N, C-alpha and C. Protein backbone atom coordinates (compact mmCIF):
# COMPACT_ATOMS: atom_id res chain seq x y z
N MET A 1 115.80 95.87 78.57
CA MET A 1 117.02 96.61 78.23
C MET A 1 117.82 95.83 77.20
N ASN A 2 118.22 96.50 76.14
CA ASN A 2 119.00 95.88 75.08
C ASN A 2 120.41 95.59 75.57
N ARG A 3 120.93 94.42 75.22
CA ARG A 3 122.29 94.06 75.62
C ARG A 3 123.05 93.55 74.42
N GLU A 4 124.25 94.06 74.23
CA GLU A 4 125.04 93.60 73.11
C GLU A 4 125.62 92.23 73.43
N PRO A 5 125.89 91.42 72.39
CA PRO A 5 126.43 90.07 72.62
C PRO A 5 127.82 90.13 73.26
N SER A 6 128.15 89.08 73.99
CA SER A 6 129.43 89.05 74.71
C SER A 6 130.62 89.21 73.78
N TRP A 7 130.55 88.57 72.59
CA TRP A 7 131.70 88.65 71.67
C TRP A 7 132.00 90.08 71.27
N LEU A 8 130.94 90.91 71.10
CA LEU A 8 131.16 92.29 70.71
C LEU A 8 131.72 93.10 71.88
N ALA A 9 131.20 92.85 73.08
CA ALA A 9 131.71 93.55 74.27
C ALA A 9 133.19 93.24 74.47
N TRP A 10 133.57 91.96 74.28
CA TRP A 10 134.97 91.58 74.45
C TRP A 10 135.85 92.24 73.37
N ALA A 11 135.36 92.23 72.13
CA ALA A 11 136.13 92.82 71.04
C ALA A 11 136.33 94.32 71.26
N LYS A 12 135.29 95.00 71.71
CA LYS A 12 135.38 96.43 71.96
C LYS A 12 136.35 96.73 73.11
N GLU A 13 136.33 95.87 74.13
CA GLU A 13 137.26 96.07 75.25
C GLU A 13 138.70 95.85 74.81
N LEU A 14 138.93 94.80 74.02
CA LEU A 14 140.28 94.55 73.50
C LEU A 14 140.76 95.72 72.64
N GLN A 15 139.89 96.22 71.77
CA GLN A 15 140.25 97.35 70.91
C GLN A 15 140.55 98.58 71.75
N ALA A 16 139.76 98.84 72.78
CA ALA A 16 139.99 100.02 73.63
C ALA A 16 141.31 99.90 74.37
N LEU A 17 141.60 98.71 74.91
CA LEU A 17 142.87 98.49 75.61
C LEU A 17 144.05 98.69 74.66
N ALA A 18 143.91 98.13 73.45
CA ALA A 18 145.00 98.24 72.48
C ALA A 18 145.21 99.69 72.05
N GLN A 19 144.12 100.39 71.75
CA GLN A 19 144.24 101.78 71.29
C GLN A 19 144.86 102.66 72.36
N THR A 20 144.40 102.51 73.59
CA THR A 20 144.94 103.32 74.68
C THR A 20 146.41 103.00 74.93
N SER A 21 146.75 101.72 74.90
CA SER A 21 148.14 101.31 75.13
C SER A 21 149.05 101.81 74.02
N LEU A 22 148.58 101.76 72.79
CA LEU A 22 149.37 102.26 71.67
C LEU A 22 149.61 103.77 71.77
N ALA A 23 148.69 104.46 72.43
CA ALA A 23 148.83 105.90 72.57
C ALA A 23 149.92 106.26 73.58
N TYR A 24 150.22 105.33 74.50
CA TYR A 24 151.14 105.69 75.59
C TYR A 24 152.46 104.93 75.57
N THR A 25 152.46 103.71 75.03
CA THR A 25 153.69 102.92 75.11
C THR A 25 154.70 103.36 74.05
N GLN A 26 155.98 103.33 74.41
CA GLN A 26 157.06 103.68 73.49
C GLN A 26 157.88 102.45 73.10
N ASN A 27 157.68 101.37 73.82
CA ASN A 27 158.45 100.15 73.57
C ASN A 27 157.99 99.50 72.28
N VAL A 28 158.92 99.26 71.36
CA VAL A 28 158.56 98.74 70.05
C VAL A 28 157.94 97.36 70.14
N TYR A 29 158.39 96.52 71.09
CA TYR A 29 157.84 95.18 71.21
C TYR A 29 156.44 95.21 71.81
N ASP A 30 156.23 96.12 72.76
CA ASP A 30 154.88 96.28 73.30
C ASP A 30 153.92 96.78 72.21
N ARG A 31 154.41 97.66 71.36
CA ARG A 31 153.56 98.17 70.29
C ARG A 31 153.16 97.05 69.34
N GLU A 32 154.09 96.15 69.04
CA GLU A 32 153.77 95.03 68.17
C GLU A 32 152.71 94.14 68.80
N ARG A 33 152.83 93.91 70.12
CA ARG A 33 151.85 93.06 70.81
C ARG A 33 150.46 93.71 70.81
N TRP A 34 150.43 95.03 71.06
CA TRP A 34 149.12 95.70 71.10
C TRP A 34 148.50 95.82 69.72
N GLU A 35 149.32 95.94 68.68
CA GLU A 35 148.80 95.93 67.32
C GLU A 35 148.15 94.57 67.02
N ARG A 36 148.78 93.51 67.53
CA ARG A 36 148.22 92.17 67.32
C ARG A 36 146.90 92.01 68.08
N VAL A 37 146.82 92.55 69.29
CA VAL A 37 145.56 92.51 70.04
C VAL A 37 144.47 93.23 69.26
N ARG A 38 144.82 94.35 68.67
CA ARG A 38 143.84 95.11 67.88
C ARG A 38 143.38 94.30 66.67
N GLN A 39 144.30 93.58 66.02
CA GLN A 39 143.94 92.74 64.89
C GLN A 39 143.00 91.61 65.31
N ILE A 40 143.26 91.04 66.50
CA ILE A 40 142.38 89.98 67.01
C ILE A 40 140.98 90.53 67.26
N ALA A 41 140.88 91.73 67.81
CA ALA A 41 139.58 92.35 68.06
C ALA A 41 138.81 92.52 66.75
N ALA A 42 139.52 93.00 65.72
CA ALA A 42 138.87 93.18 64.41
C ALA A 42 138.43 91.84 63.83
N ASP A 43 139.22 90.82 64.02
CA ASP A 43 138.89 89.49 63.50
C ASP A 43 137.64 88.93 64.19
N ILE A 44 137.51 89.17 65.49
CA ILE A 44 136.33 88.72 66.23
C ILE A 44 135.08 89.38 65.65
N VAL A 45 135.14 90.69 65.43
CA VAL A 45 133.99 91.41 64.87
C VAL A 45 133.67 90.90 63.47
N SER A 46 134.69 90.70 62.66
CA SER A 46 134.49 90.24 61.29
C SER A 46 133.82 88.87 61.25
N ARG A 47 134.32 87.94 62.05
CA ARG A 47 133.79 86.57 62.04
C ARG A 47 132.36 86.49 62.52
N HIS A 48 132.01 87.29 63.50
CA HIS A 48 130.66 87.21 64.08
C HIS A 48 129.65 88.10 63.36
N SER A 49 130.10 89.15 62.71
CA SER A 49 129.17 90.08 62.07
C SER A 49 128.98 89.81 60.59
N GLY A 50 129.94 89.08 60.00
CA GLY A 50 129.87 88.84 58.56
C GLY A 50 130.50 89.92 57.73
N MET A 51 131.03 90.96 58.38
CA MET A 51 131.70 92.04 57.65
C MET A 51 133.08 91.58 57.19
N VAL A 52 133.53 92.14 56.07
CA VAL A 52 134.86 91.84 55.57
C VAL A 52 135.89 92.42 56.55
N LEU A 53 136.93 91.64 56.81
CA LEU A 53 137.92 92.04 57.81
C LEU A 53 138.52 93.41 57.51
N ASP A 54 138.83 93.67 56.24
CA ASP A 54 139.42 94.96 55.89
C ASP A 54 138.47 96.11 56.21
N GLU A 55 137.16 95.89 56.03
CA GLU A 55 136.18 96.93 56.34
C GLU A 55 136.12 97.18 57.84
N VAL A 56 136.18 96.11 58.61
CA VAL A 56 136.18 96.25 60.07
C VAL A 56 137.41 97.02 60.52
N ALA A 57 138.57 96.62 60.02
CA ALA A 57 139.81 97.28 60.41
C ALA A 57 139.81 98.75 60.04
N ALA A 58 139.22 99.08 58.89
CA ALA A 58 139.21 100.46 58.43
C ALA A 58 138.35 101.36 59.32
N SER A 59 137.29 100.81 59.89
CA SER A 59 136.40 101.63 60.71
C SER A 59 136.62 101.45 62.20
N PHE A 60 137.26 100.35 62.58
CA PHE A 60 137.34 99.96 63.99
C PHE A 60 138.73 100.16 64.57
N CYS A 61 139.74 100.21 63.73
CA CYS A 61 141.12 100.15 64.23
C CYS A 61 142.01 101.28 63.75
N LEU A 62 141.45 102.38 63.35
CA LEU A 62 142.29 103.46 62.82
C LEU A 62 142.37 104.67 63.73
N GLU A 63 141.59 104.71 64.81
CA GLU A 63 141.65 105.84 65.71
C GLU A 63 142.87 105.73 66.61
N SER A 64 143.27 106.86 67.16
CA SER A 64 144.42 106.86 68.07
C SER A 64 144.07 107.68 69.30
N GLY A 65 144.90 107.56 70.32
CA GLY A 65 144.64 108.26 71.56
C GLY A 65 143.77 107.45 72.49
N TYR A 66 143.48 108.02 73.64
CA TYR A 66 142.67 107.33 74.64
C TYR A 66 141.28 107.06 74.09
N GLN A 67 140.82 105.82 74.24
CA GLN A 67 139.53 105.43 73.69
C GLN A 67 138.38 106.06 74.48
N THR A 68 137.51 106.80 73.78
CA THR A 68 136.34 107.41 74.41
C THR A 68 135.11 107.14 73.55
N PRO A 69 133.91 107.25 74.12
CA PRO A 69 132.69 107.03 73.33
C PRO A 69 132.47 108.13 72.31
N LYS A 70 131.75 107.79 71.25
CA LYS A 70 131.25 108.79 70.32
C LYS A 70 129.93 109.33 70.87
N ILE A 71 129.56 110.55 70.46
CA ILE A 71 128.32 111.16 70.93
C ILE A 71 127.42 111.46 69.74
N ASP A 72 126.17 111.05 69.87
CA ASP A 72 125.14 111.29 68.87
C ASP A 72 124.09 112.19 69.50
N THR A 73 123.75 113.32 68.86
CA THR A 73 122.72 114.20 69.39
C THR A 73 121.43 114.06 68.59
N ARG A 74 120.29 114.12 69.30
CA ARG A 74 118.98 114.04 68.67
C ARG A 74 118.12 115.18 69.16
N ALA A 75 117.50 115.91 68.23
CA ALA A 75 116.63 117.02 68.57
C ALA A 75 115.20 116.52 68.75
N ALA A 76 114.66 116.72 69.94
CA ALA A 76 113.27 116.34 70.23
C ALA A 76 112.41 117.59 70.10
N VAL A 77 111.67 117.66 69.01
CA VAL A 77 110.86 118.84 68.70
C VAL A 77 109.40 118.42 68.61
N PHE A 78 108.53 119.10 69.36
CA PHE A 78 107.11 118.73 69.37
C PHE A 78 106.24 119.92 68.98
N ARG A 79 105.14 119.59 68.30
CA ARG A 79 104.11 120.56 67.97
C ARG A 79 102.76 119.89 68.20
N ASP A 80 102.01 120.41 69.18
CA ASP A 80 100.74 119.79 69.56
C ASP A 80 100.93 118.32 69.91
N ASP A 81 101.98 118.04 70.68
CA ASP A 81 102.32 116.68 71.13
C ASP A 81 102.67 115.73 69.98
N LYS A 82 102.94 116.28 68.81
CA LYS A 82 103.42 115.48 67.69
C LYS A 82 104.92 115.71 67.53
N VAL A 83 105.67 114.65 67.28
CA VAL A 83 107.12 114.74 67.22
C VAL A 83 107.61 114.97 65.79
N LEU A 84 108.63 115.78 65.67
CA LEU A 84 109.25 116.02 64.37
C LEU A 84 110.18 114.86 64.03
N LEU A 85 109.94 114.24 62.89
CA LEU A 85 110.80 113.17 62.40
C LEU A 85 111.23 113.48 60.98
N VAL A 86 112.39 112.96 60.60
CA VAL A 86 112.88 113.10 59.24
C VAL A 86 113.00 111.72 58.61
N GLN A 87 112.71 111.67 57.32
CA GLN A 87 112.80 110.40 56.60
C GLN A 87 114.15 110.30 55.90
N GLU A 88 114.87 109.23 56.20
CA GLU A 88 116.18 109.03 55.61
C GLU A 88 116.05 108.47 54.19
N VAL A 89 117.13 108.51 53.45
CA VAL A 89 117.13 108.05 52.07
C VAL A 89 116.64 106.60 51.98
N GLY A 90 116.94 105.79 52.99
CA GLY A 90 116.51 104.40 52.98
C GLY A 90 115.04 104.19 53.28
N GLY A 91 114.33 105.26 53.66
CA GLY A 91 112.90 105.15 53.88
C GLY A 91 112.46 105.20 55.33
N LEU A 92 113.37 104.93 56.27
CA LEU A 92 113.01 104.94 57.69
C LEU A 92 113.07 106.35 58.26
N TRP A 93 112.46 106.52 59.44
CA TRP A 93 112.33 107.84 60.05
C TRP A 93 113.07 107.90 61.39
N ALA A 94 113.49 109.11 61.76
CA ALA A 94 114.20 109.30 63.04
C ALA A 94 114.09 110.75 63.46
N MET A 95 114.32 111.02 64.74
CA MET A 95 114.48 112.39 65.17
C MET A 95 115.74 112.95 64.51
N PRO A 96 115.71 114.20 64.06
CA PRO A 96 116.90 114.74 63.40
C PRO A 96 118.10 114.75 64.33
N GLY A 97 119.25 114.37 63.79
CA GLY A 97 120.45 114.32 64.62
C GLY A 97 121.60 113.65 63.91
N GLY A 98 122.70 113.48 64.63
CA GLY A 98 123.87 112.84 64.07
C GLY A 98 125.07 112.97 64.97
N TRP A 99 126.23 112.55 64.46
CA TRP A 99 127.46 112.60 65.23
C TRP A 99 127.79 114.03 65.63
N MET A 100 128.34 114.18 66.82
CA MET A 100 128.82 115.48 67.25
C MET A 100 130.11 115.83 66.54
N ASP A 101 130.16 117.02 65.97
CA ASP A 101 131.41 117.52 65.41
C ASP A 101 132.38 117.83 66.57
N TYR A 102 133.66 117.67 66.31
CA TYR A 102 134.67 117.79 67.37
C TYR A 102 134.71 119.19 67.97
N ASP A 103 134.29 120.19 67.20
CA ASP A 103 134.44 121.57 67.67
C ASP A 103 133.11 122.21 68.08
N LEU A 104 132.06 121.39 68.26
CA LEU A 104 130.77 121.91 68.65
C LEU A 104 130.34 121.37 70.01
N THR A 105 129.50 122.14 70.69
CA THR A 105 128.90 121.67 71.94
C THR A 105 127.65 120.86 71.61
N ILE A 106 127.09 120.19 72.61
CA ILE A 106 125.85 119.45 72.39
C ILE A 106 124.76 120.40 71.88
N ARG A 107 124.65 121.56 72.47
CA ARG A 107 123.66 122.56 72.04
C ARG A 107 123.88 122.93 70.56
N GLU A 108 125.12 123.28 70.22
CA GLU A 108 125.41 123.72 68.86
C GLU A 108 125.19 122.61 67.84
N ASN A 109 125.57 121.39 68.21
CA ASN A 109 125.42 120.28 67.28
C ASN A 109 123.95 119.95 67.05
N THR A 110 123.15 120.06 68.12
CA THR A 110 121.71 119.80 68.00
C THR A 110 121.07 120.79 67.04
N ILE A 111 121.41 122.06 67.16
CA ILE A 111 120.88 123.09 66.27
C ILE A 111 121.29 122.81 64.83
N LYS A 112 122.56 122.50 64.63
CA LYS A 112 123.10 122.25 63.28
C LYS A 112 122.42 121.06 62.61
N GLU A 113 122.33 119.94 63.34
CA GLU A 113 121.77 118.73 62.76
C GLU A 113 120.28 118.89 62.46
N ALA A 114 119.56 119.57 63.35
CA ALA A 114 118.13 119.79 63.12
C ALA A 114 117.91 120.61 61.85
N LEU A 115 118.71 121.64 61.67
CA LEU A 115 118.56 122.49 60.49
C LEU A 115 118.94 121.74 59.22
N GLU A 116 120.05 121.00 59.27
CA GLU A 116 120.52 120.29 58.09
C GLU A 116 119.54 119.20 57.66
N GLU A 117 118.97 118.47 58.61
CA GLU A 117 118.16 117.31 58.26
C GLU A 117 116.68 117.62 58.12
N SER A 118 116.17 118.61 58.86
CA SER A 118 114.74 118.88 58.82
C SER A 118 114.39 120.20 58.15
N GLY A 119 115.35 121.13 58.07
CA GLY A 119 115.07 122.45 57.55
C GLY A 119 114.51 123.41 58.57
N PHE A 120 114.32 122.93 59.81
CA PHE A 120 113.74 123.77 60.85
C PHE A 120 114.82 124.36 61.76
N GLU A 121 114.60 125.60 62.15
CA GLU A 121 115.45 126.24 63.14
C GLU A 121 114.88 125.92 64.52
N VAL A 122 115.75 125.51 65.45
CA VAL A 122 115.29 125.14 66.78
C VAL A 122 116.16 125.80 67.84
N GLU A 123 115.60 125.88 69.02
CA GLU A 123 116.32 126.40 70.18
C GLU A 123 116.34 125.32 71.26
N PRO A 124 117.49 124.75 71.59
CA PRO A 124 117.56 123.74 72.65
C PRO A 124 117.18 124.36 74.00
N VAL A 125 116.35 123.63 74.74
CA VAL A 125 115.90 124.15 76.04
C VAL A 125 116.19 123.21 77.20
N ARG A 126 116.40 121.91 76.92
CA ARG A 126 116.58 120.98 78.03
C ARG A 126 117.25 119.70 77.54
N LEU A 127 118.22 119.22 78.31
CA LEU A 127 118.81 117.91 78.03
C LEU A 127 117.92 116.86 78.68
N VAL A 128 117.22 116.10 77.85
CA VAL A 128 116.26 115.12 78.35
C VAL A 128 116.97 113.90 78.91
N ALA A 129 117.94 113.38 78.15
CA ALA A 129 118.57 112.12 78.55
C ALA A 129 119.90 111.94 77.85
N MET A 130 120.79 111.19 78.51
CA MET A 130 122.01 110.66 77.91
C MET A 130 121.91 109.15 78.03
N GLN A 131 121.80 108.47 76.91
CA GLN A 131 121.61 107.02 76.92
C GLN A 131 122.74 106.31 76.20
N ASP A 132 123.07 105.14 76.73
CA ASP A 132 124.04 104.28 76.07
C ASP A 132 123.33 103.54 74.94
N ARG A 133 123.79 103.73 73.71
CA ARG A 133 123.11 103.16 72.55
C ARG A 133 122.95 101.65 72.64
N ALA A 134 123.96 100.97 73.13
CA ALA A 134 123.92 99.51 73.20
C ALA A 134 122.81 99.01 74.12
N ARG A 135 122.37 99.84 75.07
CA ARG A 135 121.35 99.43 76.02
C ARG A 135 119.93 99.73 75.55
N HIS A 136 119.80 100.60 74.55
CA HIS A 136 118.46 101.09 74.21
C HIS A 136 118.06 100.96 72.75
N ASN A 137 119.02 100.78 71.85
CA ASN A 137 118.69 100.80 70.43
C ASN A 137 118.98 99.47 69.76
N ALA A 138 118.36 99.27 68.60
CA ALA A 138 118.49 98.01 67.88
C ALA A 138 119.89 97.85 67.30
N ASP A 139 120.22 96.58 67.00
CA ASP A 139 121.53 96.24 66.44
C ASP A 139 122.64 96.68 67.39
N PHE A 140 123.85 96.54 66.93
CA PHE A 140 124.98 96.88 67.77
C PHE A 140 126.05 97.56 66.93
N SER A 141 126.90 98.30 67.61
CA SER A 141 127.96 99.04 66.94
C SER A 141 129.31 98.64 67.50
N ALA A 142 130.32 98.71 66.63
CA ALA A 142 131.68 98.44 67.09
C ALA A 142 132.18 99.56 67.99
N TYR A 143 131.50 100.69 67.95
CA TYR A 143 131.88 101.82 68.80
C TYR A 143 131.00 101.88 70.04
N ALA A 144 131.55 102.46 71.09
CA ALA A 144 130.72 102.84 72.23
C ALA A 144 130.09 104.18 71.90
N ILE A 145 128.77 104.29 72.02
CA ILE A 145 128.05 105.49 71.60
C ILE A 145 127.14 105.97 72.71
N GLN A 146 127.21 107.25 73.01
CA GLN A 146 126.28 107.90 73.93
C GLN A 146 125.35 108.79 73.13
N LYS A 147 124.04 108.68 73.40
CA LYS A 147 123.04 109.44 72.66
C LYS A 147 122.47 110.54 73.55
N ALA A 148 122.57 111.77 73.09
CA ALA A 148 122.04 112.92 73.83
C ALA A 148 120.71 113.34 73.20
N PHE A 149 119.64 113.28 73.99
CA PHE A 149 118.32 113.71 73.52
C PHE A 149 118.04 115.10 74.09
N VAL A 150 117.84 116.05 73.19
CA VAL A 150 117.72 117.45 73.58
C VAL A 150 116.34 117.99 73.19
N LEU A 151 115.56 118.39 74.18
CA LEU A 151 114.26 119.00 73.92
C LEU A 151 114.48 120.38 73.32
N CYS A 152 113.81 120.66 72.21
CA CYS A 152 114.02 121.91 71.50
C CYS A 152 112.71 122.64 71.25
N ARG A 153 112.79 123.95 71.21
CA ARG A 153 111.66 124.80 70.84
C ARG A 153 111.74 125.10 69.36
N LEU A 154 110.62 124.95 68.65
CA LEU A 154 110.58 125.22 67.22
C LEU A 154 110.54 126.72 66.98
N ILE A 155 111.46 127.21 66.17
CA ILE A 155 111.51 128.64 65.86
C ILE A 155 110.90 128.93 64.50
N GLY A 156 111.25 128.16 63.50
CA GLY A 156 110.72 128.39 62.17
C GLY A 156 111.45 127.55 61.14
N GLY A 157 111.16 127.80 59.87
CA GLY A 157 111.82 127.07 58.81
C GLY A 157 110.88 126.15 58.07
N ALA A 158 111.40 125.44 57.11
CA ALA A 158 110.63 124.49 56.31
C ALA A 158 111.59 123.46 55.74
N PHE A 159 111.07 122.28 55.44
CA PHE A 159 111.94 121.21 54.96
C PHE A 159 112.55 121.54 53.61
N GLN A 160 113.84 121.19 53.49
CA GLN A 160 114.57 121.32 52.24
C GLN A 160 115.25 119.99 51.95
N PRO A 161 114.99 119.37 50.79
CA PRO A 161 115.66 118.11 50.46
C PRO A 161 117.17 118.25 50.54
N ASN A 162 117.83 117.20 51.01
CA ASN A 162 119.28 117.23 51.19
C ASN A 162 119.85 115.85 50.97
N THR A 163 121.13 115.68 51.19
CA THR A 163 121.78 114.39 50.90
C THR A 163 121.44 113.31 51.91
N GLU A 164 120.91 113.68 53.08
CA GLU A 164 120.65 112.70 54.14
C GLU A 164 119.18 112.36 54.31
N THR A 165 118.29 113.32 54.06
CA THR A 165 116.87 113.08 54.30
C THR A 165 116.04 113.53 53.11
N ILE A 166 114.86 112.89 52.96
CA ILE A 166 114.01 113.16 51.80
C ILE A 166 112.66 113.73 52.20
N ALA A 167 112.35 113.79 53.49
CA ALA A 167 111.08 114.35 53.94
C ALA A 167 111.15 114.58 55.43
N SER A 168 110.21 115.39 55.93
CA SER A 168 110.05 115.55 57.37
C SER A 168 108.57 115.70 57.67
N GLY A 169 108.20 115.46 58.93
CA GLY A 169 106.81 115.59 59.30
C GLY A 169 106.64 115.48 60.80
N PHE A 170 105.45 115.85 61.28
CA PHE A 170 105.12 115.74 62.70
C PHE A 170 104.13 114.59 62.88
N PHE A 171 104.42 113.71 63.84
CA PHE A 171 103.64 112.49 64.01
C PHE A 171 103.21 112.30 65.46
N PRO A 172 101.96 111.85 65.69
CA PRO A 172 101.53 111.49 67.05
C PRO A 172 102.18 110.18 67.47
N LEU A 173 102.34 109.98 68.76
CA LEU A 173 103.03 108.78 69.23
C LEU A 173 102.27 107.50 68.91
N ASP A 174 100.96 107.60 68.73
CA ASP A 174 100.20 106.39 68.43
C ASP A 174 100.09 106.13 66.93
N ASP A 175 100.80 106.89 66.12
CA ASP A 175 100.78 106.68 64.67
C ASP A 175 102.15 107.04 64.08
N LEU A 176 103.18 106.42 64.61
CA LEU A 176 104.54 106.69 64.14
C LEU A 176 104.83 105.93 62.85
N PRO A 177 105.63 106.50 61.96
CA PRO A 177 106.05 105.78 60.75
C PRO A 177 107.14 104.77 61.12
N PRO A 178 107.57 103.92 60.19
CA PRO A 178 108.65 102.96 60.47
C PRO A 178 109.91 103.70 60.90
N LEU A 179 110.42 103.34 62.06
CA LEU A 179 111.55 104.07 62.64
C LEU A 179 112.89 103.39 62.34
N ALA A 180 113.92 104.21 62.21
CA ALA A 180 115.30 103.72 62.15
C ALA A 180 115.72 103.44 63.59
N LEU A 181 115.52 102.22 64.04
CA LEU A 181 115.64 101.90 65.47
C LEU A 181 117.07 101.98 65.99
N THR A 182 118.05 102.05 65.10
CA THR A 182 119.42 102.27 65.57
C THR A 182 119.59 103.72 66.03
N LYS A 183 118.65 104.60 65.63
CA LYS A 183 118.77 106.02 65.94
C LYS A 183 117.67 106.52 66.86
N THR A 184 116.46 106.05 66.66
CA THR A 184 115.30 106.54 67.41
C THR A 184 114.33 105.40 67.64
N THR A 185 113.87 105.24 68.87
CA THR A 185 112.84 104.26 69.19
C THR A 185 111.59 104.98 69.69
N ALA A 186 110.47 104.26 69.67
CA ALA A 186 109.23 104.83 70.19
C ALA A 186 109.37 105.17 71.67
N GLU A 187 110.12 104.35 72.39
CA GLU A 187 110.33 104.60 73.82
C GLU A 187 111.11 105.90 74.04
N GLN A 188 112.08 106.15 73.20
CA GLN A 188 112.87 107.39 73.32
C GLN A 188 112.02 108.61 72.98
N ILE A 189 111.15 108.49 71.99
CA ILE A 189 110.24 109.59 71.66
C ILE A 189 109.29 109.86 72.82
N ALA A 190 108.74 108.78 73.39
CA ALA A 190 107.82 108.93 74.53
C ALA A 190 108.52 109.58 75.72
N LEU A 191 109.77 109.22 75.95
CA LEU A 191 110.54 109.82 77.03
C LEU A 191 110.68 111.33 76.82
N CYS A 192 110.96 111.71 75.59
CA CYS A 192 111.13 113.13 75.27
C CYS A 192 109.81 113.89 75.40
N LEU A 193 108.70 113.24 75.04
CA LEU A 193 107.40 113.90 75.18
C LEU A 193 107.07 114.12 76.65
N ARG A 194 107.39 113.15 77.50
CA ARG A 194 107.16 113.33 78.93
C ARG A 194 107.96 114.51 79.46
N ALA A 195 109.19 114.66 78.95
CA ALA A 195 110.02 115.79 79.36
C ALA A 195 109.41 117.10 78.89
N ALA A 196 108.83 117.10 77.69
CA ALA A 196 108.22 118.32 77.14
C ALA A 196 106.99 118.73 77.95
N GLN A 197 106.33 117.76 78.56
CA GLN A 197 105.10 118.03 79.30
C GLN A 197 105.36 118.30 80.79
N SER A 198 106.62 118.23 81.19
CA SER A 198 106.97 118.37 82.61
C SER A 198 107.65 119.72 82.87
N ASP A 199 107.31 120.31 84.01
CA ASP A 199 107.97 121.55 84.44
C ASP A 199 109.15 121.28 85.36
N THR A 200 109.30 120.03 85.78
CA THR A 200 110.34 119.69 86.78
C THR A 200 111.17 118.51 86.30
N TRP A 201 111.40 118.39 85.02
CA TRP A 201 112.12 117.24 84.47
C TRP A 201 113.56 117.22 84.93
N GLU A 202 114.03 116.05 85.31
CA GLU A 202 115.44 115.84 85.63
C GLU A 202 116.06 114.93 84.59
N THR A 203 117.23 115.30 84.11
CA THR A 203 117.89 114.54 83.03
C THR A 203 118.06 113.08 83.42
N VAL A 204 117.67 112.19 82.52
CA VAL A 204 117.82 110.76 82.71
C VAL A 204 119.15 110.33 82.10
N PHE A 205 119.91 109.52 82.81
CA PHE A 205 121.17 109.04 82.24
C PHE A 205 121.47 107.64 82.76
N ASP A 206 122.16 106.86 81.94
CA ASP A 206 122.53 105.49 82.30
C ASP A 206 123.71 105.51 83.29
């Protein structure tokens, strides 16, 4: 099981405490203290990750309200036990997916992302798993991220080049292309294939 380093876990907890407190406190002195805690969290991430402090602050410290995880949806589409993958501009491959839009459901977001990235129309049929990204995927994120893997039925369509992906294809599990491991791992693909082959699958969650 993948585990994020302690410094990142501490920084994320400090940021979450500060963000939540800033959302509720009205005392000006408390707000100053929580802003300072948030700055310390950003400094921890900057020093350990090598990122410029301003970049960390811009992505890590600008949200407001109660701190909650982000959700990433991935469409698991199979044809003859081969998985649909899309090739990103950087050359690596992943199951089609991305951040959930604020006004969409998991089902709706899965359909949208699959169409945008692969050109295929899909019908979600089963929630395979909800996984904590920090426990299962490579590298680490300043955000807490939950990944929803959704088994989908292929309806139709064809790949269309777009701003995010440059190709798509179906691959057997024993001959996968280089994967974008922050988004999709071979283990996650295998999990989805087992769900596709099962009539009694129960959603896996951390």
